[in-house]
Each structure stands twice: as structure tokens, then as C-alpha cells.
Amino acid sequence: MVRLAIFSVFGSAADDQILLVPPSTSAPASLLVFVPGGNVPNTQYVPLLKALQAEVQETTSLYVSVAACLKRLCIPFISNLPIGSALDAGVKASQAPAERVWVGGHSLGGVAA
């Protein structure tokens, strides 16, 4: 029974990839692929990333694609697939040219980025 409880706490932590469309699309498109820190739900970054979009909306239409890593751990090399998926989704949505695409993150996610 203890094993089941541990599995249910640690085995089911999964997030969905998030794509934030900018509040205005009148400026040139840019993309930020954001990789969350270890054990931090990627939804926790949404308010900050939306504030960033609002701050830069006069100079760029910033799309933000937030990766969803297995068990909320974006580990370098192991997380290439979810980070690549976030990049692909963001590029498809934004049509941002390569020179206007950035990848970054928080803590362990920043290392993986």
C-alpha cells in the first residue's frame, strides 16, 4: 500500500505543453521557448510570462511556448523531445524567423534549455 501511495504522488506528475499567444499581433513575431524548473508545475510561470508579453507588446508580438517535461523534470539531454516539441509548436503558431526565437528557462530548466 505504501508503494502505491508513493507511485501516485511521484508517478503521475505531468503537465501539458502551454502555448501563450500574444495580446496583440501587430508587431513582428518573436518566440520564447520556456523550460520550467525541476518539480515546478509549468502553469506556475503563466502569470509572469503573460506579464512579459504585455511589457514587450509594442515592440514584438511575443509567443511563449512552455515545455512539459516528464515528471516535471527537464533534465538536460533527456528532455530534448519535450523541448523540441515546444519549439515546434511555437514556431508553427508564431511563424517567427530563427533570429527571433529564444530558448530559456528557470533553474534545472535553464540548464536543459
Foldseek 3Di string as FASTA:
>chain_A
DVVVVVCVVQVPDWADKDKDWAPDAPAAEAEEEEEEAAPDHQVVCVVVVNVVSVVCVVHYGYMYIYFIDHSRQLAAPVNPVRSVVSVVVRCVVRVHDPVRYYYAYPHNRRVND
